[in-house]
Every structure is written in structure tokens, then in C-alpha cells.
Amino acid sequence: MPPADGKADPAADRRFMAAAIALSGRGRGLSTPNPNVGCLIVRDERIVGRGWTQKGGRPHAEAQALEQAMDRAHGATAYVTLEPCFPACSRRATCTTRKWPPWATTSPPWSARPRR
């Protein structure tokens, strides 16, 4: 969340995103068919929720972190290592956290194609 003066804190954003990236590694080799994703919910410079994609791809990192944060997610920032899936995780994240949560990268184009 931005400081009280309304100015962004790029150093804090980098620090929390690096922590989310490290957290995503906990699902390495286990989250198939989904990618490894880490998510931190941060409010007032404190981590109030954390999650990573679990074995078999469910639950998603965002859902896990938001469930852990509960009401503390309102007005917080979600640091997500991959653009949240649509509609479930992205809708849940934007309803509870600040309007434009940062993410490290967007989904690759192949993930948007329907599976056969």
C-alpha cells in the first residue's frame, strides 16, 4: 500500500515482489498443470497473507493468500508473480486489494488459448 503521503515506494515494491518470487519456488515441480505462482498480501508494510500454487495446481496462490489475510486484505496490495487468472483470482484480488496490484509478468499467450 502506498505511504500515507500517497507516493509510491518502489524499493518496497521490489522487496515484496522479490519475496513473492521466492515464495513461488515452493511449488516448483508440484503445481502442474499450473505454473508456479507466489502471492503476498501487504498492508501497511506488513505481510498479512501469503500463498503459492499448491500440489496439482489448486488452490491458486492468490486465493490462498487472500483467505489467510481475510479482512486485512481490504485496501492492501497483492504482489503476484504472474498475472492473476481470470475471472476467479483477478476478480477476488481487485475486489479486496488496491485497484491495480503489481505482478511480475503476464500470462504467456498459449495460456489464453482454449485447451482441447
PDB file of N, CA and C in Angstrom:
ATOM      1  N   MET A   1       0.850  -1.179   0.000  1.00  0.00           N
ATOM      2  CA  MET A   1       0.000   0.000   0.000  1.00  0.00           C
ATOM      3  C   MET A   1       0.891   1.236   0.000  1.00  0.00           C
ATOM      4  N   PRO A   2       0.521   2.274  -0.758  1.00  0.00           N
ATOM      5  CA  PRO A   2       1.349   3.474  -0.791  1.00  0.00           C
ATOM      6  C   PRO A   2       1.436   4.105   0.598  1.00  0.00           C
ATOM      7  N   PRO A   3       2.518   4.807   0.876  1.00  0.00           N
ATOM      8  CA  PRO A   3       2.636   5.501   2.147  1.00  0.00           C
ATOM      9  C   PRO A   3       1.518   6.515   2.321  1.00  0.00           C
ATOM     10  N   ALA A   4       1.344   7.002   3.537  1.00  0.00           N
ATOM     11  CA  ALA A   4       0.255   7.938   3.852  1.00  0.00           C
ATOM     12  C   ALA A   4       0.299   9.189   2.992  1.00  0.00           C
ATOM     13  N   ASP A   5       1.493   9.586   2.531  1.00  0.00           N
ATOM     14  CA  ASP A   5       1.579  10.792   1.704  1.00  0.00           C
ATOM     15  C   ASP A   5       1.147  10.532   0.262  1.00  0.00           C
ATOM     16  N   GLY A   6       0.771   9.272  -0.065  1.00  0.00           N
ATOM     17  CA  GLY A   6       0.266   8.933  -1.379  1.00  0.00           C
ATOM     18  C   GLY A   6       1.325   8.629  -2.420  1.00  0.00           C
ATOM     19  N   LYS A   7       2.593   8.733  -2.068  1.00  0.00           N
ATOM     20  CA  LYS A   7       3.674   8.471  -3.021  1.00  0.00           C
ATOM     21  C   LYS A   7       4.042   6.995  -3.012  1.00  0.00           C
ATOM     22  N   ALA A   8       4.341   6.480  -4.180  1.00  0.00           N
ATOM     23  CA  ALA A   8       4.726   5.076  -4.308  1.00  0.00           C
ATOM     24  C   ALA A   8       6.098   4.854  -3.677  1.00  0.00           C
ATOM     25  N   ASP A   9       6.349   3.631  -3.268  1.00  0.00           N
ATOM     26  CA  ASP A   9       7.632   3.261  -2.685  1.00  0.00           C
ATOM     27  C   ASP A   9       8.222   2.130  -3.527  1.00  0.00           C
ATOM     28  N   PRO A  10       8.957   2.476  -4.605  1.00  0.00           N
ATOM     29  CA  PRO A  10       9.495   1.445  -5.494  1.00  0.00           C
ATOM     30  C   PRO A  10      10.400   0.446  -4.787  1.00  0.00           C
ATOM     31  N   ALA A  11      11.150   0.879  -3.782  1.00  0.00           N
ATOM     32  CA  ALA A  11      12.032  -0.044  -3.063  1.00  0.00           C
ATOM     33  C   ALA A  11      11.215  -1.106  -2.340  1.00  0.00           C
ATOM     34  N   ALA A  12      10.122  -0.697  -1.712  1.00  0.00           N
ATOM     35  CA  ALA A  12       9.255  -1.662  -1.020  1.00  0.00           C
ATOM     36  C   ALA A  12       8.602  -2.591  -2.039  1.00  0.00           C
ATOM     37  N   ASP A  13       8.168  -2.047  -3.176  1.00  0.00           N
ATOM     38  CA  ASP A  13       7.569  -2.893  -4.216  1.00  0.00           C
ATOM     39  C   ASP A  13       8.559  -3.954  -4.681  1.00  0.00           C
ATOM     40  N   ARG A  14       9.805  -3.564  -4.903  1.00  0.00           N
ATOM     41  CA  ARG A  14      10.825  -4.535  -5.334  1.00  0.00           C
ATOM     42  C   ARG A  14      11.066  -5.591  -4.257  1.00  0.00           C
ATOM     43  N   ARG A  15      11.130  -5.167  -3.011  1.00  0.00           N
ATOM     44  CA  ARG A  15      11.374  -6.094  -1.906  1.00  0.00           C
ATOM     45  C   ARG A  15      10.251  -7.122  -1.773  1.00  0.00           C
ATOM     46  N   PHE A  16       9.011  -6.652  -1.821  1.00  0.00           N
ATOM     47  CA  PHE A  16       7.880  -7.574  -1.669  1.00  0.00           C
ATOM     48  C   PHE A  16       7.720  -8.474  -2.892  1.00  0.00           C
ATOM     49  N   MET A  17       8.004  -7.928  -4.092  1.00  0.00           N
ATOM     50  CA  MET A  17       7.909  -8.766  -5.285  1.00  0.00           C
ATOM     51  C   MET A  17       8.992  -9.838  -5.255  1.00  0.00           C
ATOM     52  N   ALA A  18      10.185  -9.498  -4.809  1.00  0.00           N
ATOM     53  CA  ALA A  18      11.255 -10.499  -4.700  1.00  0.00           C
ATOM     54  C   ALA A  18      10.856 -11.594  -3.723  1.00  0.00           C
ATOM     55  N   ALA A  19      10.196 -11.220  -2.643  1.00  0.00           N
ATOM     56  CA  ALA A  19       9.737 -12.216  -1.669  1.00  0.00           C
ATOM     57  C   ALA A  19       8.650 -13.102  -2.274  1.00  0.00           C
ATOM     58  N   ALA A  20       7.767 -12.528  -3.083  1.00  0.00           N
ATOM     59  CA  ALA A  20       6.719 -13.325  -3.739  1.00  0.00           C
ATOM     60  C   ALA A  20       7.338 -14.293  -4.746  1.00  0.00           C
ATOM     61  N   ILE A  21       8.355 -13.841  -5.464  1.00  0.00           N
ATOM     62  CA  ILE A  21       9.036 -14.715  -6.426  1.00  0.00           C
ATOM     63  C   ILE A  21       9.694 -15.878  -5.690  1.00  0.00           C
ATOM     64  N   ALA A  22      10.345 -15.589  -4.577  1.00  0.00           N
ATOM     65  CA  ALA A  22      10.968 -16.660  -3.788  1.00  0.00           C
ATOM     66  C   ALA A  22       9.907 -17.638  -3.279  1.00  0.00           C
ATOM     67  N   LEU A  23       8.772 -17.114  -2.859  1.00  0.00           N
ATOM     68  CA  LEU A  23       7.683 -17.954  -2.353  1.00  0.00           C
ATOM     69  C   LEU A  23       7.140 -18.878  -3.438  1.00  0.00           C
ATOM     70  N   SER A  24       7.126 -18.408  -4.673  1.00  0.00           N
ATOM     71  CA  SER A  24       6.608 -19.225  -5.775  1.00  0.00           C
ATOM     72  C   SER A  24       7.421 -20.507  -5.950  1.00  0.00           C
ATOM     73  N   GLY A  25       8.679 -20.484  -5.551  1.00  0.00           N
ATOM     74  CA  GLY A  25       9.537 -21.654  -5.680  1.00  0.00           C
ATOM     75  C   GLY A  25       9.100 -22.841  -4.843  1.00  0.00           C
ATOM     76  N   ARG A  26       8.264 -22.609  -3.844  1.00  0.00           N
ATOM     77  CA  ARG A  26       7.787 -23.711  -3.005  1.00  0.00           C
ATOM     78  C   ARG A  26       6.922 -24.692  -3.786  1.00  0.00           C
ATOM     79  N   GLY A  27       6.341 -24.219  -4.895  1.00  0.00           N
ATOM     80  CA  GLY A  27       5.509 -25.095  -5.709  1.00  0.00           C
ATOM     81  C   GLY A  27       6.239 -25.724  -6.872  1.00  0.00           C
ATOM     82  N   ARG A  28       7.534 -25.460  -6.987  1.00  0.00           N
ATOM     83  CA  ARG A  28       8.319 -25.948  -8.124  1.00  0.00           C
ATOM     84  C   ARG A  28       8.242 -27.478  -8.222  1.00  0.00           C
ATOM     85  N   GLY A  29       7.813 -27.931  -9.393  1.00  0.00           N
ATOM     86  CA  GLY A  29       7.719 -29.363  -9.641  1.00  0.00           C
ATOM     87  C   GLY A  29       6.470 -30.017  -9.083  1.00  0.00           C
ATOM     88  N   LEU A  30       5.620 -29.244  -8.421  1.00  0.00           N
ATOM     89  CA  LEU A  30       4.423 -29.814  -7.790  1.00  0.00           C
ATOM     90  C   LEU A  30       3.116 -29.248  -8.336  1.00  0.00           C
ATOM     91  N   SER A  31       3.173 -28.065  -8.940  1.00  0.00           N
ATOM     92  CA  SER A  31       1.941 -27.345  -9.288  1.00  0.00           C
ATOM     93  C   SER A  31       1.376 -27.671 -10.670  1.00  0.00           C
ATOM     94  N   THR A  32       1.967 -28.596 -11.382  1.00  0.00           N
ATOM     95  CA  THR A  32       1.488 -28.977 -12.708  1.00  0.00           C
ATOM     96  C   THR A  32       0.023 -29.410 -12.622  1.00  0.00           C
ATOM     97  N   PRO A  33      -0.845 -28.959 -13.490  1.00  0.00           N
ATOM     98  CA  PRO A  33      -0.607 -28.338 -14.788  1.00  0.00           C
ATOM     99  C   PRO A  33      -0.484 -26.816 -14.734  1.00  0.00           C
ATOM    100  N   ASN A  34      -0.581 -26.213 -13.557  1.00  0.00           N
ATOM    101  CA  ASN A  34      -0.486 -24.760 -13.445  1.00  0.00           C
ATOM    102  C   ASN A  34       0.953 -24.324 -13.208  1.00  0.00           C
ATOM    103  N   PRO A  35       1.246 -23.054 -13.497  1.00  0.00           N
ATOM    104  CA  PRO A  35       2.600 -22.542 -13.262  1.00  0.00           C
ATOM    105  C   PRO A  35       2.838 -22.313 -11.770  1.00  0.00           C
ATOM    106  N   ASN A  36       4.109 -22.169 -11.411  1.00  0.00           N
ATOM    107  CA  ASN A  36       4.464 -21.812 -10.034  1.00  0.00           C
ATOM    108  C   ASN A  36       4.154 -20.329  -9.850  1.00  0.00           C
ATOM    109  N   VAL A  37       3.311 -20.001  -8.899  1.00  0.00           N
ATOM    110  CA  VAL A  37       2.939 -18.613  -8.640  1.00  0.00           C
ATOM    111  C   VAL A  37       3.059 -18.362  -7.141  1.00  0.00           C
ATOM    112  N   GLY A  38       3.580 -17.190  -6.793  1.00  0.00           N
ATOM    113  CA  GLY A  38       3.630 -16.754  -5.404  1.00  0.00           C
ATOM    114  C   GLY A  38       2.827 -15.484  -5.251  1.00  0.00           C
ATOM    115  N   CYS A  39       2.237 -15.294  -4.073  1.00  0.00           N
ATOM    116  CA  CYS A  39       1.428 -14.100  -3.823  1.00  0.00           C
ATOM    117  C   CYS A  39       1.608 -13.655  -2.379  1.00  0.00           C
ATOM    118  N   LEU A  40       1.845 -12.370  -2.204  1.00  0.00           N
ATOM    119  CA  LEU A  40       1.876 -11.766  -0.876  1.00  0.00           C
ATOM    120  C   LEU A  40       0.816 -10.685  -0.821  1.00  0.00           C
ATOM    121  N   ILE A  41       0.089 -10.618   0.270  1.00  0.00           N
ATOM    122  CA  ILE A  41      -0.852  -9.528   0.536  1.00  0.00           C
ATOM    123  C   ILE A  41      -0.177  -8.661   1.592  1.00  0.00           C
ATOM    124  N   VAL A  42       0.038  -7.395   1.258  1.00  0.00           N
ATOM    125  CA  VAL A  42       0.786  -6.488   2.129  1.00  0.00           C
ATOM    126  C   VAL A  42      -0.081  -5.295   2.482  1.00  0.00           C
ATOM    127  N   ARG A  43      -0.165  -5.022   3.767  1.00  0.00           N
ATOM    128  CA  ARG A  43      -0.918  -3.858   4.242  1.00  0.00           C
ATOM    129  C   ARG A  43      -0.059  -3.130   5.260  1.00  0.00           C
ATOM    130  N   ASP A  44       0.111  -1.852   5.048  1.00  0.00           N
ATOM    131  CA  ASP A  44       0.919  -1.021   5.950  1.00  0.00           C
ATOM    132  C   ASP A  44       2.310  -1.613   6.156  1.00  0.00           C
ATOM    133  N   GLU A  45       2.932  -2.043   5.041  1.00  0.00           N
ATOM    134  CA  GLU A  45       4.293  -2.579   5.041  1.00  0.00           C
ATOM    135  C   GLU A  45       4.438  -3.904   5.802  1.00  0.00           C
ATOM    136  N   ARG A  46       3.323  -4.578   6.075  1.00  0.00           N
ATOM    137  CA  ARG A  46       3.363  -5.872   6.766  1.00  0.00           C
ATOM    138  C   ARG A  46       2.681  -6.923   5.902  1.00  0.00           C
ATOM    139  N   ILE A  47       3.254  -8.108   5.855  1.00  0.00           N
ATOM    140  CA  ILE A  47       2.656  -9.212   5.115  1.00  0.00           C
ATOM    141  C   ILE A  47       1.517  -9.775   5.953  1.00  0.00           C
ATOM    142  N   VAL A  48       0.302  -9.737   5.391  1.00  0.00           N
ATOM    143  CA  VAL A  48      -0.872 -10.239   6.112  1.00  0.00           C
ATOM    144  C   VAL A  48      -1.414 -11.520   5.487  1.00  0.00           C
ATOM    145  N   GLY A  49      -0.890 -11.896   4.323  1.00  0.00           N
ATOM    146  CA  GLY A  49      -1.296 -13.140   3.677  1.00  0.00           C
ATOM    147  C   GLY A  49      -0.238 -13.579   2.689  1.00  0.00           C
ATOM    148  N   ARG A  50      -0.056 -14.884   2.585  1.00  0.00           N
ATOM    149  CA  ARG A  50       0.914 -15.418   1.628  1.00  0.00           C
ATOM    150  C   ARG A  50       0.382 -16.730   1.090  1.00  0.00           C
ATOM    151  N   GLY A  51       0.744 -17.002  -0.156  1.00  0.00           N
ATOM    152  CA  GLY A  51       0.318 -18.255  -0.758  1.00  0.00           C
ATOM    153  C   GLY A  51       1.157 -18.587  -1.971  1.00  0.00           C
ATOM    154  N   TRP A  52       1.151 -19.846  -2.329  1.00  0.00           N
ATOM    155  CA  TRP A  52       1.812 -20.316  -3.548  1.00  0.00           C
ATOM    156  C   TRP A  52       0.954 -21.430  -4.109  1.00  0.00           C
ATOM    157  N   THR A  53       1.064 -21.635  -5.416  1.00  0.00           N
ATOM    158  CA  THR A  53       0.259 -22.659  -6.063  1.00  0.00           C
ATOM    159  C   THR A  53       0.617 -24.011  -5.467  1.00  0.00           C
ATOM    160  N   GLN A  54      -0.408 -24.714  -5.020  1.00  0.00           N
ATOM    161  CA  GLN A  54      -0.216 -25.975  -4.313  1.00  0.00           C
ATOM    162  C   GLN A  54      -0.125 -27.161  -5.263  1.00  0.00           C
ATOM    163  N   LYS A  55       0.103 -28.318  -4.706  1.00  0.00           N
ATOM    164  CA  LYS A  55       0.241 -29.556  -5.470  1.00  0.00           C
ATOM    165  C   LYS A  55      -0.978 -29.756  -6.367  1.00  0.00           C
ATOM    166  N   GLY A  56      -0.703 -30.052  -7.636  1.00  0.00           N
ATOM    167  CA  GLY A  56      -1.773 -30.252  -8.601  1.00  0.00           C
ATOM    168  C   GLY A  56      -2.384 -28.959  -9.119  1.00  0.00           C
ATOM    169  N   GLY A  57      -1.857 -27.811  -8.696  1.00  0.00           N
ATOM    170  CA  GLY A  57      -2.326 -26.531  -9.216  1.00  0.00           C
ATOM    171  C   GLY A  57      -3.443 -25.864  -8.446  1.00  0.00           C
ATOM    172  N   ARG A  58      -3.937 -26.478  -7.406  1.00  0.00           N
ATOM    173  CA  ARG A  58      -5.030 -25.892  -6.611  1.00  0.00           C
ATOM    174  C   ARG A  58      -4.742 -26.045  -5.135  1.00  0.00           C
ATOM    175  N   PRO A  59      -5.057 -25.067  -4.301  1.00  0.00           N
ATOM    176  CA  PRO A  59      -5.604 -23.771  -4.680  1.00  0.00           C
ATOM    177  C   PRO A  59      -4.532 -22.870  -5.293  1.00  0.00           C
ATOM    178  N   HIS A  60      -5.005 -21.863  -5.991  1.00  0.00           N
ATOM    179  CA  HIS A  60      -4.100 -20.878  -6.567  1.00  0.00           C
ATOM    180  C   HIS A  60      -3.490 -20.039  -5.450  1.00  0.00           C
ATOM    181  N   ALA A  61      -2.336 -19.459  -5.743  1.00  0.00           N
ATOM    182  CA  ALA A  61      -1.604 -18.652  -4.763  1.00  0.00           C
ATOM    183  C   ALA A  61      -2.447 -17.478  -4.260  1.00  0.00           C
ATOM    184  N   GLU A  62      -3.132 -16.785  -5.174  1.00  0.00           N
ATOM    185  CA  GLU A  62      -3.912 -15.607  -4.792  1.00  0.00           C
ATOM    186  C   GLU A  62      -5.041 -15.977  -3.838  1.00  0.00           C
ATOM    187  N   ALA A  63      -5.732 -17.059  -4.152  1.00  0.00           N
ATOM    188  CA  ALA A  63      -6.846 -17.489  -3.302  1.00  0.00           C
ATOM    189  C   ALA A  63      -6.354 -17.847  -1.907  1.00  0.00           C
ATOM    190  N   GLN A  64      -5.229 -18.537  -1.846  1.00  0.00           N
ATOM    191  CA  GLN A  64      -4.656 -18.946  -0.568  1.00  0.00           C
ATOM    192  C   GLN A  64      -4.237 -17.714   0.257  1.00  0.00           C
ATOM    193  N   ALA A  65      -3.563 -16.770  -0.381  1.00  0.00           N
ATOM    194  CA  ALA A  65      -3.097 -15.573   0.320  1.00  0.00           C
ATOM    195  C   ALA A  65      -4.268 -14.714   0.797  1.00  0.00           C
ATOM    196  N   LEU A  66      -5.281 -14.554  -0.050  1.00  0.00           N
ATOM    197  CA  LEU A  66      -6.439 -13.751   0.340  1.00  0.00           C
ATOM    198  C   LEU A  66      -7.225 -14.407   1.468  1.00  0.00           C
ATOM    199  N   GLU A  67      -7.318 -15.721   1.446  1.00  0.00           N
ATOM    200  CA  GLU A  67      -8.009 -16.425   2.530  1.00  0.00           C
ATOM    201  C   GLU A  67      -7.266 -16.228   3.847  1.00  0.00           C
ATOM    202  N   GLN A  68      -5.952 -16.269   3.801  1.00  0.00           N
ATOM    203  CA  GLN A  68      -5.159 -16.076   5.012  1.00  0.00           C
ATOM    204  C   GLN A  68      -5.284 -14.635   5.525  1.00  0.00           C
ATOM    205  N   ALA A  69      -5.297 -13.676   4.617  1.00  0.00           N
ATOM    206  CA  ALA A  69      -5.368 -12.267   5.012  1.00  0.00           C
ATOM    207  C   ALA A  69      -6.744 -11.880   5.547  1.00  0.00           C
ATOM    208  N   MET A  70      -7.773 -12.506   5.042  1.00  0.00           N
ATOM    209  CA  MET A  70      -9.166 -12.222   5.418  1.00  0.00           C
ATOM    210  C   MET A  70      -9.466 -10.727   5.299  1.00  0.00           C
ATOM    211  N   ASP A  71     -10.039 -10.106   6.313  1.00  0.00           N
ATOM    212  CA  ASP A  71     -10.436  -8.699   6.250  1.00  0.00           C
ATOM    213  C   ASP A  71      -9.251  -7.747   6.117  1.00  0.00           C
ATOM    214  N   ARG A  72      -8.072  -8.210   6.480  1.00  0.00           N
ATOM    215  CA  ARG A  72      -6.893  -7.348   6.375  1.00  0.00           C
ATOM    216  C   ARG A  72      -6.508  -7.096   4.919  1.00  0.00           C
ATOM    217  N   ALA A  73      -7.111  -7.828   3.974  1.00  0.00           N
ATOM    218  CA  ALA A  73      -6.810  -7.630   2.553  1.00  0.00           C
ATOM    219  C   ALA A  73      -7.444  -6.355   2.006  1.00  0.00           C
ATOM    220  N   HIS A  74      -8.484  -5.847   2.641  1.00  0.00           N
ATOM    221  CA  HIS A  74      -9.141  -4.628   2.152  1.00  0.00           C
ATOM    222  C   HIS A  74      -8.166  -3.459   2.218  1.00  0.00           C
ATOM    223  N   GLY A  75      -7.924  -2.855   1.068  1.00  0.00           N
ATOM    224  CA  GLY A  75      -7.011  -1.724   0.982  1.00  0.00           C
ATOM    225  C   GLY A  75      -5.549  -2.114   0.938  1.00  0.00           C
ATOM    226  N   ALA A  76      -5.251  -3.394   0.897  1.00  0.00           N
ATOM    227  CA  ALA A  76      -3.868  -3.873   0.858  1.00  0.00           C
ATOM    228  C   ALA A  76      -3.392  -3.969  -0.592  1.00  0.00           C
ATOM    229  N   THR A  77      -2.142  -4.391  -0.755  1.00  0.00           N
ATOM    230  CA  THR A  77      -1.563  -4.602  -2.073  1.00  0.00           C
ATOM    231  C   THR A  77      -1.257  -6.076  -2.238  1.00  0.00           C
ATOM    232  N   ALA A  78      -1.627  -6.635  -3.391  1.00  0.00           N
ATOM    233  CA  ALA A  78      -1.311  -8.026  -3.705  1.00  0.00           C
ATOM    234  C   ALA A  78      -0.111  -8.039  -4.639  1.00  0.00           C
ATOM    235  N   TYR A  79       0.969  -8.664  -4.210  1.00  0.00           N
ATOM    236  CA  TYR A  79       2.153  -8.855  -5.054  1.00  0.00           C
ATOM    237  C   TYR A  79       2.067 -10.268  -5.597  1.00  0.00           C
ATOM    238  N   VAL A  80       1.825 -10.386  -6.905  1.00  0.00           N
ATOM    239  CA  VAL A  80       1.595 -11.677  -7.545  1.00  0.00           C
ATOM    240  C   VAL A  80       2.635 -11.865  -8.638  1.00  0.00           C
ATOM    241  N   THR A  81       3.247 -13.057  -8.707  1.00  0.00           N
ATOM    242  CA  THR A  81       4.334 -13.276  -9.648  1.00  0.00           C
ATOM    243  C   THR A  81       3.873 -13.539 -11.071  1.00  0.00           C
ATOM    244  N   LEU A  82       2.608 -13.782 -11.263  1.00  0.00           N
ATOM    245  CA  LEU A  82       2.046 -13.974 -12.591  1.00  0.00           C
ATOM    246  C   LEU A  82       0.680 -13.317 -12.602  1.00  0.00           C
ATOM    247  N   GLU A  83       0.345 -12.684 -13.702  1.00  0.00           N
ATOM    248  CA  GLU A  83      -0.957 -12.034 -13.821  1.00  0.00           C
ATOM    249  C   GLU A  83      -2.043 -12.980 -13.316  1.00  0.00           C
ATOM    250  N   PRO A  84      -2.893 -12.521 -12.371  1.00  0.00           N
ATOM    251  CA  PRO A  84      -3.921 -13.411 -11.817  1.00  0.00           C
ATOM    252  C   PRO A  84      -4.841 -13.983 -12.894  1.00  0.00           C
ATOM    253  N   CYS A  85      -5.239 -15.235 -12.702  1.00  0.00           N
ATOM    254  CA  CYS A  85      -6.141 -15.873 -13.659  1.00  0.00           C
ATOM    255  C   CYS A  85      -7.473 -15.135 -13.661  1.00  0.00           C
ATOM    256  N   PHE A  86      -8.168 -15.238 -14.763  1.00  0.00           N
ATOM    257  CA  PHE A  86      -9.454 -14.562 -14.910  1.00  0.00           C
ATOM    258  C   PHE A  86     -10.512 -15.630 -15.111  1.00  0.00           C
ATOM    259  N   PRO A  87     -11.636 -15.541 -14.468  1.00  0.00           N
ATOM    260  CA  PRO A  87     -12.110 -14.421 -13.678  1.00  0.00           C
ATOM    261  C   PRO A  87     -11.905 -14.597 -12.175  1.00  0.00           C
ATOM    262  N   ALA A  88     -11.746 -15.808 -11.705  1.00  0.00           N
ATOM    263  CA  ALA A  88     -11.790 -16.074 -10.268  1.00  0.00           C
ATOM    264  C   ALA A  88     -10.777 -15.281  -9.454  1.00  0.00           C
ATOM    265  N   CYS A  89      -9.499 -15.468  -9.698  1.00  0.00           N
ATOM    266  CA  CYS A  89      -8.484 -14.819  -8.856  1.00  0.00           C
ATOM    267  C   CYS A  89      -8.397 -13.319  -9.103  1.00  0.00           C
ATOM    268  N   SER A  90      -8.488 -12.897 -10.362  1.00  0.00           N
ATOM    269  CA  SER A  90      -8.385 -11.467 -10.632  1.00  0.00           C
ATOM    270  C   SER A  90      -9.564 -10.710 -10.045  1.00  0.00           C
ATOM    271  N   ARG A  91     -10.748 -11.254 -10.129  1.00  0.00           N
ATOM    272  CA  ARG A  91     -11.924 -10.593  -9.564  1.00  0.00           C
ATOM    273  C   ARG A  91     -11.804 -10.525  -8.045  1.00  0.00           C
ATOM    274  N   ARG A  92     -11.414 -11.620  -7.424  1.00  0.00           N
ATOM    275  CA  ARG A  92     -11.277 -11.637  -5.971  1.00  0.00           C
ATOM    276  C   ARG A  92     -10.211 -10.643  -5.517  1.00  0.00           C
ATOM    277  N   ALA A  93      -9.092 -10.594  -6.230  1.00  0.00           N
ATOM    278  CA  ALA A  93      -7.997  -9.691  -5.844  1.00  0.00           C
ATOM    279  C   ALA A  93      -8.401  -8.232  -5.993  1.00  0.00           C
ATOM    280  N   THR A  94      -9.051  -7.859  -7.079  1.00  0.00           N
ATOM    281  CA  THR A  94      -9.401  -6.453  -7.281  1.00  0.00           C
ATOM    282  C   THR A  94     -10.553  -6.021  -6.391  1.00  0.00           C
ATOM    283  N   CYS A  95     -11.347  -6.948  -5.914  1.00  0.00           N
ATOM    284  CA  CYS A  95     -12.437  -6.589  -5.002  1.00  0.00           C
ATOM    285  C   CYS A  95     -11.923  -6.328  -3.593  1.00  0.00           C
ATOM    286  N   THR A  96     -10.776  -6.856  -3.255  1.00  0.00           N
ATOM    287  CA  THR A  96     -10.294  -6.732  -1.882  1.00  0.00           C
ATOM    288  C   THR A  96      -9.041  -5.889  -1.745  1.00  0.00           C
ATOM    289  N   THR A  97      -8.208  -5.831  -2.780  1.00  0.00           N
ATOM    290  CA  THR A  97      -6.941  -5.123  -2.677  1.00  0.00           C
ATOM    291  C   THR A  97      -6.995  -3.830  -3.468  1.00  0.00           C
ATOM    292  N   ARG A  98      -5.855  -3.111  -3.485  1.00  0.00           N
ATOM    293  CA  ARG A  98      -5.856  -1.845  -4.219  1.00  0.00           C
ATOM    294  C   ARG A  98      -6.147  -2.120  -5.691  1.00  0.00           C
ATOM    295  N   LYS A  99      -6.587  -1.094  -6.401  1.00  0.00           N
ATOM    296  CA  LYS A  99      -7.137  -1.287  -7.737  1.00  0.00           C
ATOM    297  C   LYS A  99      -6.213  -1.998  -8.713  1.00  0.00           C
ATOM    298  N   TRP A 100      -4.939  -1.690  -8.765  1.00  0.00           N
ATOM    299  CA  TRP A 100      -4.038  -2.289  -9.749  1.00  0.00           C
ATOM    300  C   TRP A 100      -2.895  -2.995  -9.050  1.00  0.00           C
ATOM    301  N   PRO A 101      -3.096  -4.231  -8.611  1.00  0.00           N
ATOM    302  CA  PRO A 101      -1.997  -4.927  -7.955  1.00  0.00           C
ATOM    303  C   PRO A 101      -0.859  -5.196  -8.922  1.00  0.00           C
ATOM    304  N   PRO A 102       0.379  -5.088  -8.450  1.00  0.00           N
ATOM    305  CA  PRO A 102       1.525  -5.364  -9.336  1.00  0.00           C
ATOM    306  C   PRO A 102       1.738  -6.855  -9.528  1.00  0.00           C
ATOM    307  N   TRP A 103       2.185  -7.233 -10.701  1.00  0.00           N
ATOM    308  CA  TRP A 103       2.601  -8.624 -10.911  1.00  0.00           C
ATOM    309  C   TRP A 103       3.874  -8.612 -11.728  1.00  0.00           C
ATOM    310  N   ALA A 104       4.639  -9.691 -11.569  1.00  0.00           N
ATOM    311  CA  ALA A 104       5.963  -9.733 -12.184  1.00  0.00           C
ATOM    312  C   ALA A 104       5.894  -9.910 -13.689  1.00  0.00           C
ATOM    313  N   THR A 105       4.922 -10.660 -14.179  1.00  0.00           N
ATOM    314  CA  THR A 105       4.820 -10.924 -15.611  1.00  0.00           C
ATOM    315  C   THR A 105       3.387 -11.283 -15.959  1.00  0.00           C
ATOM    316  N   THR A 106       3.059 -11.198 -17.228  1.00  0.00           N
ATOM    317  CA  THR A 106       1.721 -11.590 -17.669  1.00  0.00           C
ATOM    318  C   THR A 106       1.749 -13.044 -18.121  1.00  0.00           C
ATOM    319  N   SER A 107       0.564 -13.609 -18.243  1.00  0.00           N
ATOM    320  CA  SER A 107       0.463 -14.988 -18.707  1.00  0.00           C
ATOM    321  C   SER A 107       0.969 -15.092 -20.137  1.00  0.00           C
ATOM    322  N   PRO A 108       1.687 -16.172 -20.463  1.00  0.00           N
ATOM    323  CA  PRO A 108       2.120 -16.344 -21.855  1.00  0.00           C
ATOM    324  C   PRO A 108       0.915 -16.536 -22.761  1.00  0.00           C
ATOM    325  N   PRO A 109       1.028 -16.160 -24.033  1.00  0.00           N
ATOM    326  CA  PRO A 109      -0.120 -16.223 -24.942  1.00  0.00           C
ATOM    327  C   PRO A 109      -0.774 -17.608 -25.015  1.00  0.00           C
ATOM    328  N   TRP A 110       0.016 -18.666 -24.910  1.00  0.00           N
ATOM    329  CA  TRP A 110      -0.563 -20.004 -25.031  1.00  0.00           C
ATOM    330  C   TRP A 110      -1.520 -20.313 -23.903  1.00  0.00           C
ATOM    331  N   SER A 111      -1.394 -19.643 -22.749  1.00  0.00           N
ATOM    332  CA  SER A 111      -2.274 -19.964 -21.626  1.00  0.00           C
ATOM    333  C   SER A 111      -3.686 -19.426 -21.839  1.00  0.00           C
ATOM    334  N   ALA A 112      -3.837 -18.458 -22.751  1.00  0.00           N
ATOM    335  CA  ALA A 112      -5.147 -17.884 -23.012  1.00  0.00           C
ATOM    336  C   ALA A 112      -5.952 -18.710 -24.009  1.00  0.00           C
ATOM    337  N   ARG A 113      -5.263 -19.607 -24.731  1.00  0.00           N
ATOM    338  CA  ARG A 113      -5.966 -20.422 -25.727  1.00  0.00           C
ATOM    339  C   ARG A 113      -6.763 -21.520 -25.044  1.00  0.00           C
ATOM    340  N   PRO A 114      -7.933 -21.838 -25.575  1.00  0.00           N
ATOM    341  CA  PRO A 114      -8.723 -22.937 -25.005  1.00  0.00           C
ATOM    342  C   PRO A 114      -7.979 -24.263 -25.145  1.00  0.00           C
ATOM    343  N   ARG A 115      -8.115 -25.081 -24.151  1.00  0.00           N
ATOM    344  CA  ARG A 115      -7.500 -26.405 -24.214  1.00  0.00           C
ATOM    345  C   ARG A 115      -8.425 -27.356 -24.949  1.00  0.00           C
ATOM    346  N   ARG A 116      -7.849 -28.303 -25.674  1.00  0.00           N
ATOM    347  CA  ARG A 116      -8.657 -29.256 -26.424  1.00  0.00           C
ATOM    348  C   ARG A 116      -8.624 -30.612 -25.776  1.00  0.00           C
TER     349      ARG A 116
END
